[in-house]
N, C-alpha and C. Protein backbone atom coordinates (compact mmCIF):
# COMPACT_ATOMS: atom_id res chain seq x y z
N MET A 1 -6.21 -33.94 9.13
CA MET A 1 -5.15 -33.00 9.16
C MET A 1 -5.65 -32.08 8.07
N ARG A 2 -5.09 -30.80 8.14
CA ARG A 2 -5.21 -29.80 7.33
C ARG A 2 -4.37 -29.90 6.03
N PRO A 3 -5.04 -29.95 4.87
CA PRO A 3 -4.12 -29.92 3.84
C PRO A 3 -3.36 -28.61 3.56
N LYS A 4 -2.24 -28.76 2.99
CA LYS A 4 -1.41 -27.60 2.64
C LYS A 4 -1.35 -27.54 1.23
N ILE A 5 -1.54 -26.09 0.74
CA ILE A 5 -1.42 -25.83 -0.63
C ILE A 5 -0.56 -24.60 -0.74
N LEU A 6 0.03 -24.90 -1.92
CA LEU A 6 1.40 -23.96 -2.14
C LEU A 6 0.96 -23.40 -3.57
N THR A 7 0.72 -22.05 -3.69
CA THR A 7 0.84 -21.44 -4.87
C THR A 7 1.84 -20.81 -5.32
N VAL A 8 2.30 -21.15 -6.48
CA VAL A 8 3.45 -20.49 -7.09
C VAL A 8 3.40 -19.87 -8.28
N ASP A 9 3.65 -18.53 -8.41
CA ASP A 9 3.24 -17.87 -9.41
C ASP A 9 4.08 -16.38 -9.04
N ASP A 10 4.60 -15.86 -10.24
CA ASP A 10 5.03 -14.46 -10.27
C ASP A 10 4.28 -13.31 -9.83
N ALA A 11 3.07 -13.50 -10.07
CA ALA A 11 1.67 -12.56 -10.18
C ALA A 11 1.22 -12.71 -8.80
N LYS A 12 1.59 -11.36 -7.90
CA LYS A 12 0.92 -11.47 -6.70
C LYS A 12 -0.59 -11.80 -6.76
N ALA A 13 -1.20 -11.04 -7.66
CA ALA A 13 -2.73 -11.13 -7.82
C ALA A 13 -3.20 -12.52 -7.91
N VAL A 14 -2.48 -13.38 -8.67
CA VAL A 14 -2.68 -14.75 -8.64
C VAL A 14 -2.75 -15.47 -7.23
N ARG A 15 -1.66 -15.22 -6.72
CA ARG A 15 -1.30 -15.85 -5.25
C ARG A 15 -2.45 -15.23 -4.29
N LEU A 16 -2.78 -14.03 -4.37
CA LEU A 16 -3.92 -13.32 -3.60
C LEU A 16 -5.50 -14.00 -3.81
N LEU A 17 -5.69 -14.09 -5.12
CA LEU A 17 -6.75 -14.81 -5.74
C LEU A 17 -7.03 -16.26 -5.00
N ALA A 18 -5.63 -16.97 -5.05
CA ALA A 18 -5.95 -18.54 -4.64
C ALA A 18 -6.11 -18.12 -2.95
N GLU A 19 -5.33 -17.40 -2.40
CA GLU A 19 -5.67 -17.20 -0.89
C GLU A 19 -7.32 -16.81 -0.41
N LYS A 20 -7.47 -15.94 -1.26
CA LYS A 20 -9.10 -15.47 -1.10
C LYS A 20 -10.10 -16.52 -1.35
N VAL A 21 -9.84 -17.54 -2.44
CA VAL A 21 -10.61 -18.59 -2.90
C VAL A 21 -10.51 -19.59 -1.57
N LEU A 22 -9.43 -19.95 -0.97
CA LEU A 22 -9.08 -20.93 0.02
C LEU A 22 -9.55 -20.54 1.29
N SER A 23 -9.75 -19.07 1.59
CA SER A 23 -10.07 -18.75 2.96
C SER A 23 -11.16 -19.22 3.77
N PRO A 24 -12.20 -19.73 3.05
CA PRO A 24 -13.32 -20.39 3.78
C PRO A 24 -13.01 -21.66 4.19
N PHE A 25 -11.72 -22.34 3.64
CA PHE A 25 -11.62 -23.82 3.96
C PHE A 25 -10.58 -23.92 5.14
N ASP A 26 -10.72 -24.89 5.55
CA ASP A 26 -9.63 -25.30 6.65
C ASP A 26 -8.19 -25.89 5.96
N CYS A 27 -7.28 -25.05 5.52
CA CYS A 27 -6.33 -25.51 4.83
C CYS A 27 -5.26 -24.44 5.22
N GLU A 28 -4.07 -25.00 4.87
CA GLU A 28 -2.74 -23.87 4.99
C GLU A 28 -2.39 -23.47 3.69
N VAL A 29 -2.46 -22.25 3.38
CA VAL A 29 -1.93 -21.70 2.05
C VAL A 29 -0.72 -21.01 2.23
N SER A 30 0.34 -21.49 1.22
CA SER A 30 1.56 -20.83 1.35
C SER A 30 1.97 -20.33 0.10
N GLU A 31 2.72 -19.42 -0.33
CA GLU A 31 3.06 -19.00 -1.61
C GLU A 31 4.46 -18.70 -1.99
N ALA A 32 4.87 -18.76 -3.24
CA ALA A 32 6.05 -18.39 -3.70
C ALA A 32 6.10 -17.86 -4.94
N SER A 33 7.13 -17.06 -5.14
CA SER A 33 6.89 -16.22 -6.50
C SER A 33 7.68 -16.69 -7.69
N ASN A 34 8.53 -17.84 -7.44
CA ASN A 34 9.10 -18.64 -8.55
C ASN A 34 9.37 -20.10 -8.08
N GLY A 35 9.84 -21.06 -8.92
CA GLY A 35 10.06 -22.22 -8.70
C GLY A 35 11.14 -22.44 -7.61
N TYR A 36 12.31 -21.63 -7.68
CA TYR A 36 13.22 -21.96 -6.84
C TYR A 36 12.83 -21.80 -5.36
N ASN A 37 12.05 -20.59 -5.19
CA ASN A 37 11.63 -20.40 -3.92
C ASN A 37 10.59 -21.52 -3.27
N ALA A 38 9.82 -22.01 -4.36
CA ALA A 38 8.98 -22.99 -3.93
C ALA A 38 9.66 -24.28 -3.58
N LEU A 39 10.58 -24.59 -4.30
CA LEU A 39 11.38 -26.02 -3.75
C LEU A 39 12.05 -25.67 -2.55
N PHE A 40 12.48 -24.43 -2.21
CA PHE A 40 12.86 -24.41 -0.63
C PHE A 40 12.02 -24.31 0.24
N LEU A 41 10.80 -23.99 -0.01
CA LEU A 41 9.65 -23.99 0.72
C LEU A 41 9.39 -25.61 1.18
N MET A 42 9.52 -26.41 0.13
CA MET A 42 8.79 -27.55 0.15
C MET A 42 9.98 -28.36 1.12
N GLU A 43 11.19 -28.05 1.37
CA GLU A 43 12.16 -28.64 2.18
C GLU A 43 11.74 -28.44 3.55
N LYS A 44 10.93 -27.27 3.78
CA LYS A 44 10.66 -27.25 5.14
C LYS A 44 9.17 -28.16 5.49
N ALA A 45 8.05 -28.07 4.49
CA ALA A 45 6.89 -28.46 4.65
C ALA A 45 6.71 -28.91 3.38
N LEU A 46 6.16 -30.06 3.13
CA LEU A 46 5.62 -30.82 1.95
C LEU A 46 4.29 -30.46 1.73
N PRO A 47 3.76 -29.85 0.52
CA PRO A 47 2.40 -29.28 0.44
C PRO A 47 1.47 -30.72 -0.04
N ASP A 48 0.43 -30.59 0.10
CA ASP A 48 -0.65 -31.63 -0.35
C ASP A 48 -1.25 -31.41 -1.95
N LEU A 49 -0.89 -30.19 -2.38
CA LEU A 49 -1.24 -29.82 -3.49
C LEU A 49 -0.53 -28.32 -3.80
N ILE A 50 0.08 -28.15 -5.39
CA ILE A 50 0.85 -27.19 -5.93
C ILE A 50 0.13 -26.86 -6.96
N LEU A 51 -0.20 -25.34 -6.77
CA LEU A 51 -0.54 -24.63 -8.09
C LEU A 51 0.74 -23.98 -8.51
N ILE A 52 0.87 -24.27 -9.92
CA ILE A 52 2.28 -23.85 -10.35
C ILE A 52 2.09 -23.06 -11.73
N ASP A 53 2.42 -21.83 -11.86
CA ASP A 53 2.41 -20.98 -13.11
C ASP A 53 3.50 -21.49 -13.97
N VAL A 54 3.02 -21.40 -15.25
CA VAL A 54 4.21 -22.13 -16.27
C VAL A 54 5.54 -21.27 -16.41
N ASN A 55 5.07 -19.77 -16.64
CA ASN A 55 6.20 -19.03 -16.91
C ASN A 55 6.32 -18.04 -15.91
N MET A 56 7.57 -18.09 -15.26
CA MET A 56 7.87 -17.23 -14.16
C MET A 56 9.50 -16.96 -14.18
N PRO A 57 9.99 -15.94 -13.43
CA PRO A 57 11.55 -15.67 -13.55
C PRO A 57 12.09 -16.65 -12.71
N VAL A 58 13.54 -16.52 -12.65
CA VAL A 58 14.37 -17.60 -11.97
C VAL A 58 14.14 -18.88 -12.24
N MET A 59 12.98 -19.48 -12.07
CA MET A 59 12.94 -20.83 -12.21
C MET A 59 11.30 -21.11 -12.63
N GLY A 60 11.08 -21.37 -13.84
CA GLY A 60 9.64 -21.37 -14.43
C GLY A 60 8.96 -22.75 -13.97
N GLY A 61 7.83 -22.69 -14.31
CA GLY A 61 6.78 -23.84 -13.90
C GLY A 61 7.21 -25.34 -14.35
N VAL A 62 7.64 -25.37 -15.39
CA VAL A 62 7.92 -26.47 -16.06
C VAL A 62 9.27 -27.25 -15.72
N HIS A 63 10.31 -26.37 -15.44
CA HIS A 63 11.66 -26.70 -14.93
C HIS A 63 11.49 -27.27 -13.52
N MET A 64 10.75 -26.65 -12.60
CA MET A 64 10.22 -26.90 -11.30
C MET A 64 9.61 -28.41 -11.39
N LEU A 65 8.50 -28.34 -12.21
CA LEU A 65 7.92 -29.88 -12.29
C LEU A 65 8.91 -30.97 -12.62
N GLU A 66 9.77 -30.46 -13.56
CA GLU A 66 10.97 -31.65 -13.96
C GLU A 66 11.80 -31.92 -12.68
N LEU A 67 12.04 -31.04 -11.92
CA LEU A 67 12.88 -31.11 -10.68
C LEU A 67 12.04 -32.04 -9.57
N MET A 68 10.77 -31.70 -9.43
CA MET A 68 9.88 -32.34 -8.59
C MET A 68 9.74 -33.92 -9.14
N ARG A 69 9.41 -34.10 -10.35
CA ARG A 69 9.19 -35.54 -10.84
C ARG A 69 10.54 -36.34 -10.67
N SER A 70 11.64 -35.80 -10.68
CA SER A 70 12.60 -36.58 -10.65
C SER A 70 13.18 -36.65 -9.30
N ASN A 71 12.53 -36.23 -8.19
CA ASN A 71 12.65 -36.54 -6.75
C ASN A 71 11.70 -37.25 -6.30
N PRO A 72 12.31 -38.60 -5.56
CA PRO A 72 11.32 -39.42 -4.96
C PRO A 72 10.36 -38.91 -3.93
N VAL A 73 10.89 -37.85 -3.11
CA VAL A 73 10.12 -37.48 -2.05
C VAL A 73 9.02 -36.36 -2.63
N LEU A 74 9.26 -35.67 -3.66
CA LEU A 74 8.41 -34.56 -4.35
C LEU A 74 7.39 -35.24 -5.40
N GLN A 75 7.77 -36.30 -6.03
CA GLN A 75 7.29 -36.72 -7.42
C GLN A 75 5.83 -36.87 -7.34
N LYS A 76 5.46 -37.47 -6.26
CA LYS A 76 3.91 -37.86 -5.85
C LYS A 76 2.85 -36.45 -5.50
N ILE A 77 3.38 -35.59 -5.34
CA ILE A 77 2.59 -34.36 -4.93
C ILE A 77 1.82 -33.96 -6.00
N PRO A 78 0.36 -33.85 -5.82
CA PRO A 78 -0.43 -33.41 -6.98
C PRO A 78 -0.14 -31.89 -7.53
N VAL A 79 -0.17 -31.66 -8.81
CA VAL A 79 0.06 -30.28 -9.23
C VAL A 79 -0.97 -29.88 -10.37
N ILE A 80 -1.23 -28.93 -10.07
CA ILE A 80 -2.16 -28.18 -11.08
C ILE A 80 -1.44 -26.84 -11.80
N MET A 81 -1.28 -26.94 -13.02
CA MET A 81 -0.54 -25.77 -13.67
C MET A 81 -1.31 -24.66 -14.18
N LEU A 82 -0.95 -23.81 -14.08
CA LEU A 82 -1.58 -22.34 -14.56
C LEU A 82 -1.02 -21.96 -15.62
N THR A 83 -1.77 -21.87 -16.55
CA THR A 83 -1.28 -21.58 -17.94
C THR A 83 -1.85 -20.37 -18.65
N SER A 84 -1.41 -20.01 -19.69
CA SER A 84 -1.91 -18.99 -20.46
C SER A 84 -1.77 -19.37 -21.96
N PRO A 85 -2.33 -18.62 -22.83
CA PRO A 85 -2.44 -19.01 -24.13
C PRO A 85 -1.13 -19.27 -24.77
N THR A 86 -0.15 -18.36 -24.29
CA THR A 86 1.10 -18.63 -24.98
C THR A 86 1.97 -19.64 -24.65
N ASP A 87 1.36 -20.56 -23.46
CA ASP A 87 2.15 -21.64 -23.10
C ASP A 87 1.94 -22.85 -23.88
N HIS A 88 1.27 -22.68 -24.86
CA HIS A 88 0.62 -24.02 -25.82
C HIS A 88 1.84 -24.60 -26.44
N PRO A 89 3.15 -24.05 -26.63
CA PRO A 89 4.25 -25.10 -27.23
C PRO A 89 4.84 -25.93 -26.09
N VAL A 90 4.53 -25.71 -24.76
CA VAL A 90 5.09 -26.60 -23.63
C VAL A 90 3.88 -27.38 -23.20
N MET A 91 2.77 -27.35 -23.66
CA MET A 91 1.68 -28.29 -22.90
C MET A 91 1.94 -29.54 -23.04
N ALA A 92 2.51 -30.12 -24.18
CA ALA A 92 2.64 -31.47 -24.26
C ALA A 92 3.60 -32.08 -23.02
N GLU A 93 4.81 -31.44 -23.10
CA GLU A 93 5.87 -31.60 -21.90
C GLU A 93 5.10 -31.63 -20.73
N VAL A 94 4.20 -30.50 -20.36
CA VAL A 94 3.59 -30.46 -19.13
C VAL A 94 2.77 -31.75 -18.70
N LYS A 95 2.09 -32.17 -19.71
CA LYS A 95 1.31 -33.15 -19.37
C LYS A 95 1.87 -34.42 -19.20
N ALA A 96 3.10 -34.46 -20.03
CA ALA A 96 3.82 -35.67 -19.81
C ALA A 96 4.47 -35.90 -18.64
N LEU A 97 4.86 -34.68 -18.04
CA LEU A 97 5.33 -34.78 -16.50
C LEU A 97 4.36 -35.16 -15.62
N GLY A 98 3.18 -35.31 -15.95
CA GLY A 98 2.15 -35.79 -15.17
C GLY A 98 1.38 -34.87 -14.03
N VAL A 99 0.59 -33.80 -14.69
CA VAL A 99 -0.13 -32.99 -13.74
C VAL A 99 -1.56 -33.42 -13.64
N ASN A 100 -2.07 -33.01 -12.61
CA ASN A 100 -3.36 -33.53 -12.29
C ASN A 100 -4.45 -32.45 -12.65
N GLY A 101 -3.97 -31.45 -13.44
CA GLY A 101 -4.84 -30.41 -14.21
C GLY A 101 -4.26 -29.23 -14.54
N THR A 102 -5.09 -28.63 -15.57
CA THR A 102 -4.63 -27.38 -16.02
C THR A 102 -5.65 -26.36 -15.73
N LEU A 103 -5.21 -25.03 -15.53
CA LEU A 103 -6.17 -23.88 -15.49
C LEU A 103 -5.51 -22.68 -16.25
N MET A 104 -6.53 -22.31 -17.25
CA MET A 104 -6.05 -21.23 -18.18
C MET A 104 -6.40 -19.94 -17.59
N LYS A 105 -5.30 -19.09 -17.47
CA LYS A 105 -5.53 -17.66 -16.97
C LYS A 105 -6.07 -16.82 -18.00
N PRO A 106 -6.89 -15.83 -17.63
CA PRO A 106 -7.42 -15.49 -16.40
C PRO A 106 -8.57 -16.45 -16.33
N PHE A 107 -8.91 -16.79 -14.90
CA PHE A 107 -9.72 -17.74 -14.59
C PHE A 107 -10.52 -16.87 -13.27
N LYS A 108 -11.83 -17.63 -13.20
CA LYS A 108 -12.68 -17.16 -12.14
C LYS A 108 -12.44 -18.03 -10.91
N ASP A 109 -12.79 -17.28 -9.83
CA ASP A 109 -12.71 -18.21 -8.51
C ASP A 109 -13.27 -19.45 -8.48
N THR A 110 -14.27 -19.30 -9.21
CA THR A 110 -15.11 -20.72 -9.08
C THR A 110 -14.40 -21.84 -9.85
N ALA A 111 -13.76 -21.49 -10.88
CA ALA A 111 -12.88 -22.42 -11.87
C ALA A 111 -11.79 -22.91 -10.87
N LEU A 112 -11.28 -21.90 -10.30
CA LEU A 112 -10.15 -22.49 -9.55
C LEU A 112 -10.59 -23.39 -8.47
N LEU A 113 -11.73 -22.84 -7.61
CA LEU A 113 -11.94 -23.80 -6.42
C LEU A 113 -12.51 -25.27 -7.11
N GLU A 114 -12.99 -25.18 -8.31
CA GLU A 114 -13.43 -26.63 -8.80
C GLU A 114 -12.29 -27.37 -9.12
N ILE A 115 -11.51 -26.91 -9.64
CA ILE A 115 -10.15 -27.73 -9.97
C ILE A 115 -9.52 -28.29 -8.77
N ILE A 116 -9.23 -27.36 -7.92
CA ILE A 116 -8.58 -27.68 -6.49
C ILE A 116 -9.39 -28.88 -5.97
N ARG A 117 -10.69 -28.64 -5.89
CA ARG A 117 -11.54 -29.69 -5.17
C ARG A 117 -11.56 -31.13 -6.07
N SER A 118 -11.26 -31.12 -7.48
CA SER A 118 -11.10 -32.31 -8.05
C SER A 118 -9.96 -33.06 -7.67
N VAL A 119 -9.15 -32.44 -6.94
CA VAL A 119 -7.89 -33.02 -6.66
C VAL A 119 -7.54 -33.66 -5.00
N ILE A 120 -7.98 -32.48 -4.07
CA ILE A 120 -8.18 -32.64 -2.89
C ILE A 120 -9.38 -32.41 -2.22
N THR A 121 -9.67 -32.98 -1.03
CA THR A 121 -10.91 -32.58 -0.30
C THR A 121 -10.69 -31.41 0.60
N LEU A 122 -11.57 -30.32 0.37
CA LEU A 122 -11.23 -29.19 1.17
C LEU A 122 -12.70 -29.18 2.31
N LYS A 123 -12.45 -28.86 3.46
CA LYS A 123 -13.40 -29.03 4.48
C LYS A 123 -13.76 -27.57 4.82
N PRO A 124 -14.89 -26.99 5.21
CA PRO A 124 -14.92 -25.66 5.70
C PRO A 124 -14.39 -25.51 7.08
N LYS A 125 -14.12 -24.10 7.11
CA LYS A 125 -13.46 -24.00 8.50
C LYS A 125 -14.86 -23.97 9.32
N SER A 126 -14.78 -24.62 10.79
CA SER A 126 -15.50 -24.70 11.60
C SER A 126 -15.81 -23.37 12.15
N ALA A 127 -17.33 -23.05 12.28
CA ALA A 127 -17.65 -21.52 12.82
C ALA A 127 -17.09 -21.55 14.30
N HIS A 128 -17.02 -22.46 15.15
CA HIS A 128 -16.48 -22.58 16.44
C HIS A 128 -15.26 -23.39 16.78
N PRO A 129 -14.11 -22.98 16.31
CA PRO A 129 -13.10 -23.89 16.61
C PRO A 129 -13.01 -24.49 17.93
N GLN A 130 -12.72 -25.66 17.86
CA GLN A 130 -12.68 -26.20 19.31
C GLN A 130 -11.22 -25.94 19.87
N LYS A 131 -11.37 -25.68 21.27
CA LYS A 131 -10.05 -25.40 21.94
C LYS A 131 -9.50 -26.65 22.70
N SER A 132 -8.14 -26.78 22.56
CA SER A 132 -7.79 -28.08 23.17
C SER A 132 -7.74 -27.81 24.46
N VAL A 133 -7.75 -28.81 25.34
CA VAL A 133 -8.12 -28.93 26.81
C VAL A 133 -6.56 -29.71 27.14
N ASN A 134 -5.80 -28.98 27.91
CA ASN A 134 -4.56 -29.76 28.68
C ASN A 134 -4.79 -30.21 29.96
């Protein structure tokens, strides 16, 4: 089964970078610009991994993570927090909520891929997709 990865960041550039980094792999990538929209998306399809920015409008990453960890359906989903140097005051809370990793912005493609691969298995897209025979 193809892993589903959700990128939650108010910066379109970060969401596009995640999509670019994951494009060679057989996975589904979706995106949301804030925690509220991400929770709405999760009602439709649960992701296998979520990349969450700490600071976002409407609903930030820490609040989103708190809601996820209090929900039995969402609490086991692995999370990688995307942080900046100004997020230092909330890092103890983030770690206490149980994240699978943190990545400081700005980051390189290779660092993003490395931390994602430390949490889930990614398989390359096959060069010749198999067609189903009915």
